[in-house]
């Protein structure tokens, strides 16, 4: 079994996954359908297996039960299967409760987040479960692999136990869904880590794209306010500004509206990195447009997504 191309990360996680996979047939508290879903999950996570149907199996599972609301993901008999992935058969039911509850918090956030369809990134908000299955499946893989590492919260935030691991795993370990859920439940260790990373002058804590995505998905106003200040203070740090703007539409619409207002109020769209980031988020294709056109377009976007009545009038009018 191989779960990742990186040997160090693979060796770190594979033992836990193999124990779960080998013990599946001896588990008695799972339904036949739950067993089948877990087999698809293990095939999906195993890079040596070339047949993966986990997302298709999830679609079928909920379609048969006429379940459409993402908030109902852990209902309808799936919770024991999720408990199993978080180690209920290895360490006892109590050991997995924290992880399962945290995954449930992620599901609650995902139900309120837009899904993105097609390469044009038209973001729409809907709780329909069929639209979120892909992201939920990715998040479940993320949660299970993080559990498999055995890392503490601090080690997950830093993406490793040692400086060497942190450097090696910085672009390998995904933590955005996990971190969004931790922020949402008010985990002070995570919130304080991000706060320190954004306000400290000694770079004690590093910020990654994952961290900005998590803040946007959590909708935490305390961290969004700091992210807005960081955006204003970034000045010539074009990469930092672009990282903030490119991730601000990957969570709650309220997060996007808040940060977009900061950009418009401070005329930050005149900077090339922010213009590029906004072009990704809004579909504005002409990055070479004049400053006048850019300002008009993004101001209009901000105005319409902040006022539903004016948005409805604009959609119904004849002026393109």
C-alpha atoms as a PDB file:
ATOM      1  CA  UNK A   1       0.000   0.000   0.000  1.00  0.00           C
ATOM      2  CA  UNK A   2       1.235   3.497  -0.830  1.00  0.00           C
ATOM      3  CA  UNK A   3      -0.655   6.648   0.097  1.00  0.00           C
ATOM      4  CA  UNK A   4       1.800   9.373  -0.981  1.00  0.00           C
ATOM      5  CA  UNK A   5       4.724   9.836  -3.360  1.00  0.00           C
ATOM      6  CA  UNK A   6       6.839  11.375  -0.586  1.00  0.00           C
ATOM      7  CA  UNK A   7       8.571   8.504   1.221  1.00  0.00           C
ATOM      8  CA  UNK A   8       8.802  10.238   4.606  1.00  0.00           C
ATOM      9  CA  UNK A   9       5.127  11.213   4.648  1.00  0.00           C
ATOM     10  CA  UNK A  10       4.092   7.814   3.324  1.00  0.00           C
ATOM     11  CA  UNK A  11       6.048   6.014   6.066  1.00  0.00           C
ATOM     12  CA  UNK A  12       4.522   8.295   8.673  1.00  0.00           C
ATOM     13  CA  UNK A  13       0.918   7.511   7.724  1.00  0.00           C
ATOM     14  CA  UNK A  14       0.814   4.107   6.069  1.00  0.00           C
ATOM     15  CA  UNK A  15       0.908   1.969   9.230  1.00  0.00           C
ATOM     16  CA  UNK A  16      -2.309   3.533  10.602  1.00  0.00           C
ATOM     17  CA  UNK A  17      -4.126   3.170   7.263  1.00  0.00           C
ATOM     18  CA  UNK A  18      -3.010  -0.455   6.840  1.00  0.00           C
ATOM     19  CA  UNK A  19      -4.292  -1.330  10.329  1.00  0.00           C
ATOM     20  CA  UNK A  20      -7.694   0.113   9.472  1.00  0.00           C
ATOM     21  CA  UNK A  21      -7.824  -1.620   6.120  1.00  0.00           C
ATOM     22  CA  UNK A  22      -6.770  -5.037   7.426  1.00  0.00           C
ATOM     23  CA  UNK A  23      -9.179  -4.848  10.354  1.00  0.00           C
ATOM     24  CA  UNK A  24     -12.225  -3.932   8.295  1.00  0.00           C
ATOM     25  CA  UNK A  25     -13.413  -7.522   7.795  1.00  0.00           C
ATOM     26  CA  UNK A  26     -13.402  -8.143  11.557  1.00  0.00           C
ATOM     27  CA  UNK A  27     -15.619  -5.159  12.330  1.00  0.00           C
ATOM     28  CA  UNK A  28     -19.164  -6.100  13.298  1.00  0.00           C
ATOM     29  CA  UNK A  29     -20.843  -2.760  14.017  1.00  0.00           C
ATOM     30  CA  UNK A  30     -20.871  -1.529  10.406  1.00  0.00           C
ATOM     31  CA  UNK A  31     -23.590  -2.121   7.836  1.00  0.00           C
ATOM     32  CA  UNK A  32     -22.792  -3.817   4.557  1.00  0.00           C
ATOM     33  CA  UNK A  33     -23.067  -0.507   2.734  1.00  0.00           C
ATOM     34  CA  UNK A  34     -20.707   1.168   5.225  1.00  0.00           C
ATOM     35  CA  UNK A  35     -18.210  -1.652   4.674  1.00  0.00           C
ATOM     36  CA  UNK A  36     -18.436  -1.078   0.941  1.00  0.00           C
ATOM     37  CA  UNK A  37     -17.934   2.675   1.268  1.00  0.00           C
ATOM     38  CA  UNK A  38     -14.852   2.133   3.426  1.00  0.00           C
ATOM     39  CA  UNK A  39     -13.392  -0.310   0.879  1.00  0.00           C
ATOM     40  CA  UNK A  40     -13.826   2.353  -1.778  1.00  0.00           C
ATOM     41  CA  UNK A  41     -12.169   4.898   0.546  1.00  0.00           C
ATOM     42  CA  UNK A  42      -9.114   2.699   1.090  1.00  0.00           C
ATOM     43  CA  UNK A  43      -8.853   2.035  -2.647  1.00  0.00           C
ATOM     44  CA  UNK A  44      -9.120   5.772  -3.228  1.00  0.00           C
ATOM     45  CA  UNK A  45      -6.316   6.610  -0.791  1.00  0.00           C
ATOM     46  CA  UNK A  46      -4.043   3.800  -2.047  1.00  0.00           C
ATOM     47  CA  UNK A  47      -1.938   5.019  -4.975  1.00  0.00           C
ATOM     48  CA  UNK A  48      -1.213   1.431  -6.051  1.00  0.00           C
ATOM     49  CA  UNK A  49      -4.927   0.844  -6.651  1.00  0.00           C
ATOM     50  CA  UNK A  50      -6.038   2.120 -10.055  1.00  0.00           C
ATOM     51  CA  UNK A  51      -9.782   1.735  -9.464  1.00  0.00           C
ATOM     52  CA  UNK A  52     -11.285   4.401  -7.253  1.00  0.00           C
ATOM     53  CA  UNK A  53     -15.043   4.918  -6.950  1.00  0.00           C
ATOM     54  CA  UNK A  54     -15.362   6.519  -3.519  1.00  0.00           C
ATOM     55  CA  UNK A  55     -17.069   9.739  -4.642  1.00  0.00           C
ATOM     56  CA  UNK A  56     -19.398   7.812  -6.966  1.00  0.00           C
ATOM     57  CA  UNK A  57     -20.279   5.461  -4.102  1.00  0.00           C
ATOM     58  CA  UNK A  58     -21.054   8.428  -1.831  1.00  0.00           C
ATOM     59  CA  UNK A  59     -23.317   9.939  -4.511  1.00  0.00           C
ATOM     60  CA  UNK A  60     -25.196   6.644  -4.807  1.00  0.00           C
ATOM     61  CA  UNK A  61     -25.471   6.225  -1.045  1.00  0.00           C
ATOM     62  CA  UNK A  62     -27.254   9.546  -0.574  1.00  0.00           C
ATOM     63  CA  UNK A  63     -29.261   9.337  -3.772  1.00  0.00           C
ATOM     64  CA  UNK A  64     -30.815   6.038  -2.651  1.00  0.00           C
ATOM     65  CA  UNK A  65     -31.859   7.681   0.620  1.00  0.00           C
ATOM     66  CA  UNK A  66     -33.144  10.844  -1.086  1.00  0.00           C
ATOM     67  CA  UNK A  67     -30.800  12.975   1.022  1.00  0.00           C
ATOM     68  CA  UNK A  68     -30.019  16.365  -0.485  1.00  0.00           C
ATOM     69  CA  UNK A  69     -28.831  18.513   2.453  1.00  0.00           C
ATOM     70  CA  UNK A  70     -25.083  18.501   3.144  1.00  0.00           C
ATOM     71  CA  UNK A  71     -25.797  18.999   6.866  1.00  0.00           C
ATOM     72  CA  UNK A  72     -27.186  15.447   6.963  1.00  0.00           C
ATOM     73  CA  UNK A  73     -23.904  13.859   5.868  1.00  0.00           C
ATOM     74  CA  UNK A  74     -23.149  12.171   9.210  1.00  0.00           C
ATOM     75  CA  UNK A  75     -26.705  10.938   9.601  1.00  0.00           C
ATOM     76  CA  UNK A  76     -28.264   8.000   7.767  1.00  0.00           C
ATOM     77  CA  UNK A  77     -25.841   5.434   9.154  1.00  0.00           C
ATOM     78  CA  UNK A  78     -22.520   7.012   8.151  1.00  0.00           C
ATOM     79  CA  UNK A  79     -21.252   8.096  11.563  1.00  0.00           C
ATOM     80  CA  UNK A  80     -19.986   4.584  12.560  1.00  0.00           C
ATOM     81  CA  UNK A  81     -17.981   4.464   9.311  1.00  0.00           C
ATOM     82  CA  UNK A  82     -16.427   7.874  10.033  1.00  0.00           C
ATOM     83  CA  UNK A  83     -15.719   6.759  13.627  1.00  0.00           C
ATOM     84  CA  UNK A  84     -13.916   3.736  12.208  1.00  0.00           C
ATOM     85  CA  UNK A  85     -11.663   5.904  10.037  1.00  0.00           C
ATOM     86  CA  UNK A  86     -10.718   7.933  13.108  1.00  0.00           C
ATOM     87  CA  UNK A  87      -9.665   4.848  15.063  1.00  0.00           C
ATOM     88  CA  UNK A  88     -12.675   3.555  16.996  1.00  0.00           C
ATOM     89  CA  UNK A  89     -11.533  -0.037  16.378  1.00  0.00           C
ATOM     90  CA  UNK A  90      -7.939   0.717  17.386  1.00  0.00           C
ATOM     91  CA  UNK A  91      -8.218   2.959  20.446  1.00  0.00           C
ATOM     92  CA  UNK A  92     -11.867   2.648  21.458  1.00  0.00           C
ATOM     93  CA  UNK A  93     -14.965   4.748  20.687  1.00  0.00           C
ATOM     94  CA  UNK A  94     -14.001   7.626  23.003  1.00  0.00           C
ATOM     95  CA  UNK A  95     -10.726   8.231  21.153  1.00  0.00           C
ATOM     96  CA  UNK A  96     -12.400   9.015  17.835  1.00  0.00           C
ATOM     97  CA  UNK A  97     -15.202  11.255  19.127  1.00  0.00           C
ATOM     98  CA  UNK A  98     -13.122  14.456  19.012  1.00  0.00           C
ATOM     99  CA  UNK A  99     -12.118  13.830  15.389  1.00  0.00           C
ATOM    100  CA  UNK A 100     -15.605  12.817  14.259  1.00  0.00           C
ATOM    101  CA  UNK A 101     -17.152  15.852  15.950  1.00  0.00           C
ATOM    102  CA  UNK A 102     -14.522  18.067  14.317  1.00  0.00           C
ATOM    103  CA  UNK A 103     -15.306  16.578  10.914  1.00  0.00           C
ATOM    104  CA  UNK A 104     -18.979  17.267  11.627  1.00  0.00           C
ATOM    105  CA  UNK A 105     -18.076  20.921  12.232  1.00  0.00           C
ATOM    106  CA  UNK A 106     -16.317  20.999   8.857  1.00  0.00           C
ATOM    107  CA  UNK A 107     -19.492  19.594   7.246  1.00  0.00           C
ATOM    108  CA  UNK A 108     -21.490  22.427   8.831  1.00  0.00           C
ATOM    109  CA  UNK A 109     -19.086  24.996   7.346  1.00  0.00           C
ATOM    110  CA  UNK A 110     -19.045  23.316   3.938  1.00  0.00           C
ATOM    111  CA  UNK A 111     -22.854  23.401   3.781  1.00  0.00           C
ATOM    112  CA  UNK A 112     -22.708  27.221   4.016  1.00  0.00           C
ATOM    113  CA  UNK A 113     -19.864  27.642   1.527  1.00  0.00           C
ATOM    114  CA  UNK A 114     -20.250  28.161  -2.213  1.00  0.00           C
ATOM    115  CA  UNK A 115     -19.277  25.411  -4.587  1.00  0.00           C
ATOM    116  CA  UNK A 116     -17.417  26.261  -7.751  1.00  0.00           C
ATOM    117  CA  UNK A 117     -18.453  24.838 -11.082  1.00  0.00           C
ATOM    118  CA  UNK A 118     -16.363  24.866 -14.253  1.00  0.00           C
ATOM    119  CA  UNK A 119     -13.114  26.607 -15.090  1.00  0.00           C
ATOM    120  CA  UNK A 120     -14.809  30.023 -15.042  1.00  0.00           C
ATOM    121  CA  UNK A 121     -15.286  29.765 -11.256  1.00  0.00           C
ATOM    122  CA  UNK A 122     -18.909  30.853 -11.012  1.00  0.00           C
ATOM    123  CA  UNK A 123     -19.353  30.548  -7.240  1.00  0.00           C
ATOM    124  CA  UNK A 124     -22.860  29.655  -6.104  1.00  0.00           C
ATOM    125  CA  UNK A 125     -24.102  28.882  -2.590  1.00  0.00           C
ATOM    126  CA  UNK A 126     -26.227  25.796  -2.122  1.00  0.00           C
ATOM    127  CA  UNK A 127     -26.475  23.105   0.571  1.00  0.00           C
ATOM    128  CA  UNK A 128     -27.283  20.405  -2.019  1.00  0.00           C
ATOM    129  CA  UNK A 129     -25.066  17.486  -1.069  1.00  0.00           C
ATOM    130  CA  UNK A 130     -24.360  16.319  -4.627  1.00  0.00           C
ATOM    131  CA  UNK A 131     -22.538  19.611  -5.268  1.00  0.00           C
ATOM    132  CA  UNK A 132     -20.251  19.207  -2.249  1.00  0.00           C
ATOM    133  CA  UNK A 133     -19.379  15.486  -2.414  1.00  0.00           C
ATOM    134  CA  UNK A 134     -16.047  16.097  -4.149  1.00  0.00           C
ATOM    135  CA  UNK A 135     -14.841  18.608  -1.547  1.00  0.00           C
ATOM    136  CA  UNK A 136     -16.139  16.491   1.340  1.00  0.00           C
ATOM    137  CA  UNK A 137     -14.292  13.436   0.026  1.00  0.00           C
ATOM    138  CA  UNK A 138     -11.079  15.474  -0.225  1.00  0.00           C
ATOM    139  CA  UNK A 139     -11.589  16.812   3.304  1.00  0.00           C
ATOM    140  CA  UNK A 140     -12.172  13.316   4.681  1.00  0.00           C
ATOM    141  CA  UNK A 141      -8.869  12.140   3.164  1.00  0.00           C
ATOM    142  CA  UNK A 142      -7.202  15.184   4.743  1.00  0.00           C
ATOM    143  CA  UNK A 143      -8.648  14.489   8.201  1.00  0.00           C
ATOM    144  CA  UNK A 144      -7.757  10.778   8.122  1.00  0.00           C
ATOM    145  CA  UNK A 145      -4.163  11.411   6.997  1.00  0.00           C
ATOM    146  CA  UNK A 146      -3.711  14.062   9.692  1.00  0.00           C
ATOM    147  CA  UNK A 147      -5.003  11.579  12.260  1.00  0.00           C
ATOM    148  CA  UNK A 148      -2.596   8.978  10.833  1.00  0.00           C
ATOM    149  CA  UNK A 149       0.438  11.217  11.383  1.00  0.00           C
ATOM    150  CA  UNK A 150      -0.082  11.214  15.126  1.00  0.00           C
ATOM    151  CA  UNK A 151       0.866  14.908  15.142  1.00  0.00           C
ATOM    152  CA  UNK A 152      -0.268  17.229  17.906  1.00  0.00           C
ATOM    153  CA  UNK A 153      -2.269  20.347  17.046  1.00  0.00           C
ATOM    154  CA  UNK A 154       0.893  22.476  17.149  1.00  0.00           C
ATOM    155  CA  UNK A 155       2.748  20.025  14.902  1.00  0.00           C
ATOM    156  CA  UNK A 156      -0.112  19.996  12.377  1.00  0.00           C
ATOM    157  CA  UNK A 157      -0.118  23.804  12.291  1.00  0.00           C
ATOM    158  CA  UNK A 158       3.615  23.804  11.602  1.00  0.00           C
ATOM    159  CA  UNK A 159       3.310  20.808   9.233  1.00  0.00           C
ATOM    160  CA  UNK A 160       5.937  18.766  11.028  1.00  0.00           C
ATOM    161  CA  UNK A 161       7.678  17.902  14.290  1.00  0.00           C
ATOM    162  CA  UNK A 162      11.111  19.232  13.368  1.00  0.00           C
ATOM    163  CA  UNK A 163      12.390  22.049  11.150  1.00  0.00           C
ATOM    164  CA  UNK A 164      13.472  19.460   8.560  1.00  0.00           C
ATOM    165  CA  UNK A 165      10.009  17.888   8.485  1.00  0.00           C
ATOM    166  CA  UNK A 166       8.350  21.288   8.318  1.00  0.00           C
ATOM    167  CA  UNK A 167      10.411  22.198   5.277  1.00  0.00           C
ATOM    168  CA  UNK A 168       9.826  18.836   3.592  1.00  0.00           C
ATOM    169  CA  UNK A 169       6.080  18.701   4.316  1.00  0.00           C
ATOM    170  CA  UNK A 170       5.251  22.401   3.780  1.00  0.00           C
ATOM    171  CA  UNK A 171       3.703  21.807   0.343  1.00  0.00           C
ATOM    172  CA  UNK A 172       2.603  18.214   1.005  1.00  0.00           C
ATOM    173  CA  UNK A 173       0.334  18.264   4.042  1.00  0.00           C
ATOM    174  CA  UNK A 174      -3.077  19.909   3.518  1.00  0.00           C
ATOM    175  CA  UNK A 175      -4.731  21.262   6.652  1.00  0.00           C
ATOM    176  CA  UNK A 176      -7.272  23.862   5.467  1.00  0.00           C
ATOM    177  CA  UNK A 177     -10.485  21.895   6.157  1.00  0.00           C
ATOM    178  CA  UNK A 178      -9.223  20.627   9.525  1.00  0.00           C
ATOM    179  CA  UNK A 179      -8.027  24.093  10.538  1.00  0.00           C
ATOM    180  CA  UNK A 180     -11.277  25.793   9.483  1.00  0.00           C
ATOM    181  CA  UNK A 181     -13.194  23.426  11.766  1.00  0.00           C
ATOM    182  CA  UNK A 182     -10.760  24.019  14.648  1.00  0.00           C
ATOM    183  CA  UNK A 183     -11.128  27.787  14.258  1.00  0.00           C
ATOM    184  CA  UNK A 184     -14.912  27.469  14.047  1.00  0.00           C
ATOM    185  CA  UNK A 185     -15.144  25.632  17.398  1.00  0.00           C
ATOM    186  CA  UNK A 186     -13.019  28.354  18.980  1.00  0.00           C
ATOM    187  CA  UNK A 187      -9.786  26.400  19.428  1.00  0.00           C
ATOM    188  CA  UNK A 188      -7.520  29.023  21.018  1.00  0.00           C
ATOM    189  CA  UNK A 189      -4.293  27.209  20.157  1.00  0.00           C
ATOM    190  CA  UNK A 190      -5.080  27.492  16.448  1.00  0.00           C
ATOM    191  CA  UNK A 191      -6.473  31.020  16.656  1.00  0.00           C
ATOM    192  CA  UNK A 192      -3.502  32.235  18.699  1.00  0.00           C
ATOM    193  CA  UNK A 193      -1.048  30.574  16.294  1.00  0.00           C
ATOM    194  CA  UNK A 194      -2.560  32.396  13.327  1.00  0.00           C
ATOM    195  CA  UNK A 195      -2.793  35.645  15.263  1.00  0.00           C
ATOM    196  CA  UNK A 196       0.889  35.432  16.157  1.00  0.00           C
ATOM    197  CA  UNK A 197       1.798  34.572  12.558  1.00  0.00           C
ATOM    198  CA  UNK A 198      -0.006  37.658  11.240  1.00  0.00           C
ATOM    199  CA  UNK A 199       1.128  40.236  13.787  1.00  0.00           C
ATOM    200  CA  UNK A 200       4.578  39.109  14.914  1.00  0.00           C
ATOM    201  CA  UNK A 201       7.709  40.745  13.570  1.00  0.00           C
ATOM    202  CA  UNK A 202      10.040  37.755  13.987  1.00  0.00           C
ATOM    203  CA  UNK A 203       8.307  35.245  11.666  1.00  0.00           C
ATOM    204  CA  UNK A 204       8.026  32.736  14.520  1.00  0.00           C
ATOM    205  CA  UNK A 205       4.968  31.157  12.893  1.00  0.00           C
ATOM    206  CA  UNK A 206       4.741  30.728   9.132  1.00  0.00           C
ATOM    207  CA  UNK A 207       1.592  31.385   7.119  1.00  0.00           C
ATOM    208  CA  UNK A 208       0.598  29.084   4.264  1.00  0.00           C
ATOM    209  CA  UNK A 209      -2.158  29.196   1.653  1.00  0.00           C
ATOM    210  CA  UNK A 210      -3.948  26.590   3.818  1.00  0.00           C
ATOM    211  CA  UNK A 211      -4.118  29.052   6.687  1.00  0.00           C
ATOM    212  CA  UNK A 212      -5.758  31.768   4.590  1.00  0.00           C
ATOM    213  CA  UNK A 213      -8.245  29.261   3.117  1.00  0.00           C
ATOM    214  CA  UNK A 214      -9.140  28.092   6.615  1.00  0.00           C
ATOM    215  CA  UNK A 215      -9.770  31.629   7.853  1.00  0.00           C
ATOM    216  CA  UNK A 216     -12.038  32.310   4.879  1.00  0.00           C
ATOM    217  CA  UNK A 217     -13.995  29.062   5.361  1.00  0.00           C
ATOM    218  CA  UNK A 218     -14.350  29.524   9.118  1.00  0.00           C
ATOM    219  CA  UNK A 219     -15.660  33.073   8.782  1.00  0.00           C
ATOM    220  CA  UNK A 220     -13.966  33.958  12.082  1.00  0.00           C
ATOM    221  CA  UNK A 221     -14.238  37.743  12.337  1.00  0.00           C
ATOM    222  CA  UNK A 222     -11.291  38.134  14.718  1.00  0.00           C
ATOM    223  CA  UNK A 223      -8.936  36.497  12.209  1.00  0.00           C
ATOM    224  CA  UNK A 224     -10.560  38.134   9.179  1.00  0.00           C
ATOM    225  CA  UNK A 225      -9.951  41.531  10.762  1.00  0.00           C
ATOM    226  CA  UNK A 226      -6.267  40.669  11.235  1.00  0.00           C
ATOM    227  CA  UNK A 227      -6.061  39.349   7.679  1.00  0.00           C
ATOM    228  CA  UNK A 228      -7.488  42.644   6.442  1.00  0.00           C
ATOM    229  CA  UNK A 229      -4.860  44.573   8.400  1.00  0.00           C
ATOM    230  CA  UNK A 230      -2.165  42.275   7.016  1.00  0.00           C
ATOM    231  CA  UNK A 231      -3.418  42.982   3.505  1.00  0.00           C
ATOM    232  CA  UNK A 232      -3.105  46.720   4.130  1.00  0.00           C
ATOM    233  CA  UNK A 233       0.321  46.393   5.756  1.00  0.00           C
ATOM    234  CA  UNK A 234       1.803  44.081   3.106  1.00  0.00           C
ATOM    235  CA  UNK A 235       2.861  47.037   0.938  1.00  0.00           C
ATOM    236  CA  UNK A 236       5.474  45.662  -1.484  1.00  0.00           C
ATOM    237  CA  UNK A 237       4.950  42.007  -0.484  1.00  0.00           C
ATOM    238  CA  UNK A 238       3.096  41.126  -3.665  1.00  0.00           C
ATOM    239  CA  UNK A 239       3.172  37.387  -3.012  1.00  0.00           C
ATOM    240  CA  UNK A 240       1.521  37.782   0.386  1.00  0.00           C
ATOM    241  CA  UNK A 241      -1.165  40.058  -1.002  1.00  0.00           C
ATOM    242  CA  UNK A 242      -1.905  37.673  -3.858  1.00  0.00           C
ATOM    243  CA  UNK A 243      -2.127  34.707  -1.452  1.00  0.00           C
ATOM    244  CA  UNK A 244      -4.766  36.547   0.617  1.00  0.00           C
ATOM    245  CA  UNK A 245      -6.828  37.687  -2.362  1.00  0.00           C
ATOM    246  CA  UNK A 246      -6.705  34.366  -4.235  1.00  0.00           C
ATOM    247  CA  UNK A 247      -8.079  32.479  -1.231  1.00  0.00           C
ATOM    248  CA  UNK A 248     -10.686  34.934  -0.002  1.00  0.00           C
ATOM    249  CA  UNK A 249     -13.416  33.407  -2.220  1.00  0.00           C
ATOM    250  CA  UNK A 250     -12.724  29.829  -1.050  1.00  0.00           C
ATOM    251  CA  UNK A 251     -14.891  30.009   2.063  1.00  0.00           C
ATOM    252  CA  UNK A 252     -17.911  31.887   3.341  1.00  0.00           C
ATOM    253  CA  UNK A 253     -19.299  34.636   1.063  1.00  0.00           C
ATOM    254  CA  UNK A 254     -19.283  36.944   4.092  1.00  0.00           C
ATOM    255  CA  UNK A 255     -15.489  36.530   4.294  1.00  0.00           C
ATOM    256  CA  UNK A 256     -15.150  37.497   0.650  1.00  0.00           C
ATOM    257  CA  UNK A 257     -17.420  40.538   1.031  1.00  0.00           C
ATOM    258  CA  UNK A 258     -15.511  41.732   4.113  1.00  0.00           C
ATOM    259  CA  UNK A 259     -12.079  41.559   2.453  1.00  0.00           C
ATOM    260  CA  UNK A 260     -13.361  42.965  -0.850  1.00  0.00           C
ATOM    261  CA  UNK A 261     -14.709  46.010   1.008  1.00  0.00           C
ATOM    262  CA  UNK A 262     -11.258  46.615   2.496  1.00  0.00           C
ATOM    263  CA  UNK A 263      -9.756  46.446  -1.000  1.00  0.00           C
ATOM    264  CA  UNK A 264     -12.293  48.856  -2.509  1.00  0.00           C
ATOM    265  CA  UNK A 265     -12.261  51.316   0.422  1.00  0.00           C
ATOM    266  CA  UNK A 266      -8.460  51.558   0.263  1.00  0.00           C
ATOM    267  CA  UNK A 267      -8.157  51.433  -3.535  1.00  0.00           C
ATOM    268  CA  UNK A 268      -5.891  48.373  -3.323  1.00  0.00           C
ATOM    269  CA  UNK A 269      -7.080  47.065  -6.691  1.00  0.00           C
ATOM    270  CA  UNK A 270      -4.522  49.339  -8.302  1.00  0.00           C
ATOM    271  CA  UNK A 271      -1.759  46.925  -7.243  1.00  0.00           C
ATOM    272  CA  UNK A 272      -0.989  44.228  -9.808  1.00  0.00           C
ATOM    273  CA  UNK A 273      -0.956  41.304  -7.341  1.00  0.00           C
ATOM    274  CA  UNK A 274      -4.384  42.232  -5.979  1.00  0.00           C
ATOM    275  CA  UNK A 275      -5.741  42.795  -9.491  1.00  0.00           C
ATOM    276  CA  UNK A 276      -4.528  39.297 -10.463  1.00  0.00           C
ATOM    277  CA  UNK A 277      -6.085  37.764  -7.365  1.00  0.00           C
ATOM    278  CA  UNK A 278      -9.409  39.510  -7.912  1.00  0.00           C
ATOM    279  CA  UNK A 279      -9.381  38.427 -11.554  1.00  0.00           C
ATOM    280  CA  UNK A 280      -9.225  34.808 -10.357  1.00  0.00           C
ATOM    281  CA  UNK A 281     -12.034  35.298  -7.833  1.00  0.00           C
ATOM    282  CA  UNK A 282     -14.421  37.354 -10.001  1.00  0.00           C
ATOM    283  CA  UNK A 283     -13.701  36.146 -13.528  1.00  0.00           C
ATOM    284  CA  UNK A 284     -12.458  39.573 -14.627  1.00  0.00           C
ATOM    285  CA  UNK A 285     -10.425  38.525 -17.633  1.00  0.00           C
ATOM    286  CA  UNK A 286      -8.755  41.764 -18.711  1.00  0.00           C
ATOM    287  CA  UNK A 287      -5.876  42.229 -16.262  1.00  0.00           C
ATOM    288  CA  UNK A 288      -4.346  44.814 -18.585  1.00  0.00           C
ATOM    289  CA  UNK A 289      -7.400  47.074 -18.386  1.00  0.00           C
ATOM    290  CA  UNK A 290      -6.959  50.660 -17.287  1.00  0.00           C
ATOM    291  CA  UNK A 291      -7.206  51.564 -13.632  1.00  0.00           C
ATOM    292  CA  UNK A 292     -10.512  53.354 -14.319  1.00  0.00           C
ATOM    293  CA  UNK A 293     -12.126  50.217 -15.787  1.00  0.00           C
ATOM    294  CA  UNK A 294     -10.703  48.000 -13.038  1.00  0.00           C
ATOM    295  CA  UNK A 295     -11.996  50.264 -10.283  1.00  0.00           C
ATOM    296  CA  UNK A 296     -15.442  50.532 -11.897  1.00  0.00           C
ATOM    297  CA  UNK A 297     -15.762  46.754 -12.306  1.00  0.00           C
ATOM    298  CA  UNK A 298     -14.678  45.765  -8.790  1.00  0.00           C
ATOM    299  CA  UNK A 299     -16.702  48.549  -7.167  1.00  0.00           C
ATOM    300  CA  UNK A 300     -19.771  47.314  -9.016  1.00  0.00           C
ATOM    301  CA  UNK A 301     -19.094  43.740  -7.895  1.00  0.00           C
ATOM    302  CA  UNK A 302     -18.755  44.882  -4.279  1.00  0.00           C
ATOM    303  CA  UNK A 303     -21.935  46.944  -4.510  1.00  0.00           C
ATOM    304  CA  UNK A 304     -24.048  44.154  -5.989  1.00  0.00           C
ATOM    305  CA  UNK A 305     -22.926  41.300  -3.735  1.00  0.00           C
ATOM    306  CA  UNK A 306     -23.495  43.497  -0.660  1.00  0.00           C
ATOM    307  CA  UNK A 307     -27.039  44.537  -1.597  1.00  0.00           C
ATOM    308  CA  UNK A 308     -29.450  41.793  -2.680  1.00  0.00           C
ATOM    309  CA  UNK A 309     -32.158  44.233  -3.800  1.00  0.00           C
ATOM    310  CA  UNK A 310     -29.817  46.086  -6.153  1.00  0.00           C
ATOM    311  CA  UNK A 311     -28.429  42.768  -7.391  1.00  0.00           C
ATOM    312  CA  UNK A 312     -31.944  41.592  -8.276  1.00  0.00           C
ATOM    313  CA  UNK A 313     -32.631  44.863 -10.124  1.00  0.00           C
ATOM    314  CA  UNK A 314     -29.346  44.576 -12.032  1.00  0.00           C
ATOM    315  CA  UNK A 315     -30.101  41.013 -13.111  1.00  0.00           C
ATOM    316  CA  UNK A 316     -33.523  42.077 -14.344  1.00  0.00           C
ATOM    317  CA  UNK A 317     -32.393  45.160 -16.278  1.00  0.00           C
ATOM    318  CA  UNK A 318     -31.462  45.369 -19.971  1.00  0.00           C
ATOM    319  CA  UNK A 319     -28.111  47.102 -19.434  1.00  0.00           C
ATOM    320  CA  UNK A 320     -25.331  44.465 -19.765  1.00  0.00           C
END
